[in-house]
């Protein structure tokens, strides 16, 4: 019996690790430095993986620059949302090529990997803000989040009103599926 414990532990660990994986283009080893620390300078050449919400996208002749409101990354390297998503300052990530501002629109979430390369000064209102600049290798646009809302009066008899095994931001996978109504075709009576 004790021989199966390590095997069971390995299976549980592997299945938990499979639940939250970092997309392949974002995998790697990066320095844990904040945008605030990078604003102070001295971090040039550091490899980072940062993410956030797009403030604006500016295509240029050779590259496109993304001005981002920085957010902490979750265990999938996606910018965190909700109450845990405190503002961590701003940064700019620039990548060679054209990225359409209609696709990379304000409010969309991205994660970038790249190398810190100084700061860029831009006005935020009347304030001169020093954006840490990332020379991006990867600009990963995340799919839009789907909002889940429970119908009024939702009650789970096992958990009580407002609670249940699917309570939380992930929602109930069965409750919110589109309903399909199957209407059988009328079958003519058999001929005698």
Protein backbone atom coordinates (compact mmCIF):
# COMPACT_ATOMS: atom_id res chain seq x y z
CA UNK A 1 0.00 0.00 0.00
CA UNK A 2 2.78 2.44 0.91
CA UNK A 3 4.37 1.83 -2.49
CA UNK A 4 1.35 3.49 -4.19
CA UNK A 5 1.52 6.70 -2.14
CA UNK A 6 4.40 8.26 -4.16
CA UNK A 7 2.65 7.30 -7.39
CA UNK A 8 -0.63 8.81 -6.21
CA UNK A 9 1.17 11.98 -5.13
CA UNK A 10 2.86 12.26 -8.54
CA UNK A 11 -0.47 11.84 -10.35
CA UNK A 12 -2.17 14.50 -8.20
CA UNK A 13 0.75 16.92 -8.68
CA UNK A 14 0.78 16.39 -12.45
CA UNK A 15 -2.97 16.90 -12.75
CA UNK A 16 -2.85 20.10 -10.69
CA UNK A 17 0.04 21.42 -12.78
CA UNK A 18 -1.95 20.71 -15.94
CA UNK A 19 -4.81 22.94 -14.73
CA UNK A 20 -2.83 26.16 -15.06
CA UNK A 21 -0.11 26.27 -17.67
CA UNK A 22 1.74 29.22 -19.11
CA UNK A 23 1.31 29.51 -22.90
CA UNK A 24 4.42 28.32 -24.73
CA UNK A 25 5.43 31.75 -26.15
CA UNK A 26 5.49 33.19 -22.59
CA UNK A 27 7.49 30.42 -20.93
CA UNK A 28 11.01 31.05 -19.71
CA UNK A 29 13.01 32.55 -16.86
CA UNK A 30 12.61 36.25 -16.19
CA UNK A 31 13.80 38.73 -13.57
CA UNK A 32 11.27 39.63 -10.90
CA UNK A 33 11.42 43.42 -11.09
CA UNK A 34 8.48 45.80 -10.79
CA UNK A 35 7.70 48.67 -13.14
CA UNK A 36 8.24 51.09 -10.23
CA UNK A 37 11.76 49.74 -9.66
CA UNK A 38 12.47 49.88 -13.40
CA UNK A 39 11.45 53.57 -13.46
CA UNK A 40 14.37 54.33 -11.16
CA UNK A 41 16.80 53.06 -13.83
CA UNK A 42 19.72 50.70 -13.60
CA UNK A 43 17.75 47.67 -14.87
CA UNK A 44 18.66 48.03 -18.56
CA UNK A 45 19.19 44.71 -20.32
CA UNK A 46 17.03 42.80 -17.83
CA UNK A 47 14.69 40.14 -19.27
CA UNK A 48 11.12 40.63 -17.98
CA UNK A 49 7.65 39.15 -18.38
CA UNK A 50 5.08 41.84 -17.62
CA UNK A 51 1.41 42.18 -18.36
CA UNK A 52 -1.45 44.58 -18.09
CA UNK A 53 -4.31 46.38 -19.72
CA UNK A 54 -3.79 48.37 -22.92
CA UNK A 55 -4.12 52.13 -22.50
CA UNK A 56 -3.26 52.89 -26.12
CA UNK A 57 -1.59 51.28 -29.13
CA UNK A 58 0.59 53.47 -31.37
CA UNK A 59 1.80 51.97 -34.67
CA UNK A 60 4.89 53.67 -36.14
CA UNK A 61 6.96 53.26 -39.32
CA UNK A 62 9.06 50.37 -37.98
CA UNK A 63 7.36 49.24 -34.76
CA UNK A 64 4.19 49.38 -32.70
CA UNK A 65 4.28 50.59 -29.10
CA UNK A 66 1.75 49.47 -26.50
CA UNK A 67 1.19 51.71 -23.48
CA UNK A 68 0.02 49.49 -20.64
CA UNK A 69 -1.37 49.79 -17.14
CA UNK A 70 0.67 47.12 -15.36
CA UNK A 71 -1.06 44.32 -13.43
CA UNK A 72 0.40 41.38 -11.50
CA UNK A 73 0.42 38.11 -13.43
CA UNK A 74 -1.52 35.04 -12.34
CA UNK A 75 -0.25 31.44 -12.54
CA UNK A 76 -0.91 31.37 -16.31
CA UNK A 77 1.09 34.61 -16.84
CA UNK A 78 -2.17 36.44 -17.58
CA UNK A 79 -2.77 39.86 -16.03
CA UNK A 80 -4.81 39.34 -12.86
CA UNK A 81 -8.31 40.77 -12.68
CA UNK A 82 -10.67 41.59 -9.86
CA UNK A 83 -9.67 42.77 -6.40
CA UNK A 84 -6.20 41.20 -6.58
CA UNK A 85 -5.32 43.27 -9.65
CA UNK A 86 -3.79 46.31 -8.02
CA UNK A 87 -2.23 48.93 -10.25
CA UNK A 88 1.53 48.46 -10.54
CA UNK A 89 2.24 51.58 -12.55
CA UNK A 90 2.63 51.86 -16.30
CA UNK A 91 5.07 50.69 -18.94
CA UNK A 92 5.50 50.75 -22.71
CA UNK A 93 6.33 47.69 -24.80
CA UNK A 94 7.47 48.13 -28.41
CA UNK A 95 7.71 45.40 -31.04
CA UNK A 96 8.75 45.50 -34.69
CA UNK A 97 5.91 45.43 -37.19
CA UNK A 98 2.34 46.64 -37.40
CA UNK A 99 -0.25 45.71 -34.78
CA UNK A 100 -3.77 46.96 -35.48
CA UNK A 101 -5.05 49.34 -32.74
CA UNK A 102 -8.59 48.07 -33.42
CA UNK A 103 -7.50 44.55 -32.43
CA UNK A 104 -5.08 45.64 -29.70
CA UNK A 105 -7.72 48.02 -28.36
CA UNK A 106 -7.93 49.95 -25.11
CA UNK A 107 -8.85 47.67 -22.21
CA UNK A 108 -7.58 44.41 -23.77
CA UNK A 109 -5.16 42.34 -21.72
CA UNK A 110 -1.67 41.48 -22.96
CA UNK A 111 1.44 39.84 -21.56
CA UNK A 112 4.81 40.77 -23.04
CA UNK A 113 8.27 39.31 -22.73
CA UNK A 114 11.39 41.20 -23.62
CA UNK A 115 14.34 43.28 -22.47
CA UNK A 116 14.21 46.52 -20.48
CA UNK A 117 15.66 49.41 -22.42
CA UNK A 118 15.50 52.67 -20.42
CA UNK A 119 12.41 54.84 -20.06
CA UNK A 120 10.18 56.94 -22.30
CA UNK A 121 8.70 60.17 -20.98
CA UNK A 122 5.07 60.91 -21.87
CA UNK A 123 2.43 63.20 -20.44
CA UNK A 124 -0.30 61.70 -18.27
CA UNK A 125 -2.55 64.71 -17.85
CA UNK A 126 -0.09 67.46 -16.92
CA UNK A 127 2.37 65.03 -15.35
CA UNK A 128 5.55 63.84 -17.12
CA UNK A 129 5.49 60.07 -16.58
CA UNK A 130 8.60 57.90 -17.10
CA UNK A 131 7.38 54.69 -18.76
CA UNK A 132 9.86 51.81 -18.46
CA UNK A 133 10.42 50.63 -22.04
CA UNK A 134 10.42 46.93 -22.97
CA UNK A 135 11.88 45.85 -26.31
CA UNK A 136 9.31 43.06 -26.75
CA UNK A 137 10.05 39.63 -28.14
CA UNK A 138 6.45 38.47 -27.59
CA UNK A 139 3.20 40.42 -27.35
CA UNK A 140 0.53 37.94 -26.27
CA UNK A 141 -3.06 39.16 -26.65
CA UNK A 142 -5.42 37.32 -24.30
CA UNK A 143 -9.00 36.44 -25.29
CA UNK A 144 -11.66 38.65 -23.76
CA UNK A 145 -12.94 37.47 -20.40
CA UNK A 146 -16.52 36.22 -20.32
CA UNK A 147 -18.64 37.77 -17.57
CA UNK A 148 -20.75 35.28 -15.67
CA UNK A 149 -23.77 36.40 -13.70
CA UNK A 150 -26.14 34.21 -11.78
CA UNK A 151 -29.86 34.61 -12.30
CA UNK A 152 -31.71 36.31 -9.45
CA UNK A 153 -32.92 33.85 -6.88
CA UNK A 154 -30.38 31.17 -7.79
CA UNK A 155 -30.56 28.58 -5.03
CA UNK A 156 -28.55 25.42 -4.59
CA UNK A 157 -30.33 23.06 -2.17
CA UNK A 158 -27.03 21.57 -0.97
CA UNK A 159 -25.10 24.81 -0.46
CA UNK A 160 -27.77 27.41 0.31
CA UNK A 161 -28.79 30.64 -1.39
CA UNK A 162 -26.04 32.37 -3.34
CA UNK A 163 -23.48 29.62 -2.75
CA UNK A 164 -22.65 26.35 -4.39
CA UNK A 165 -19.88 24.28 -5.86
CA UNK A 166 -19.73 26.64 -8.85
CA UNK A 167 -19.87 29.86 -6.85
CA UNK A 168 -17.22 32.29 -7.99
CA UNK A 169 -15.93 33.94 -11.18
CA UNK A 170 -15.70 30.67 -13.11
CA UNK A 171 -19.46 30.03 -13.14
CA UNK A 172 -21.44 26.86 -13.53
CA UNK A 173 -20.57 25.12 -16.80
CA UNK A 174 -24.02 23.53 -17.08
CA UNK A 175 -26.28 26.32 -15.89
CA UNK A 176 -25.25 28.83 -18.56
CA UNK A 177 -25.16 26.61 -21.63
CA UNK A 178 -27.46 27.66 -24.44
CA UNK A 179 -30.64 25.67 -24.39
CA UNK A 180 -31.32 23.37 -27.28
CA UNK A 181 -34.86 22.29 -27.94
CA UNK A 182 -35.20 19.14 -29.99
CA UNK A 183 -38.49 18.76 -31.79
CA UNK A 184 -39.00 15.32 -33.28
CA UNK A 185 -40.23 15.20 -36.82
CA UNK A 186 -43.76 13.99 -37.26
CA UNK A 187 -43.69 10.38 -38.35
CA UNK A 188 -46.55 9.38 -40.67
CA UNK A 189 -48.60 6.40 -39.51
CA UNK A 190 -47.64 3.09 -41.15
CA UNK A 191 -49.65 1.99 -44.19
CA UNK A 192 -51.74 -1.14 -43.84
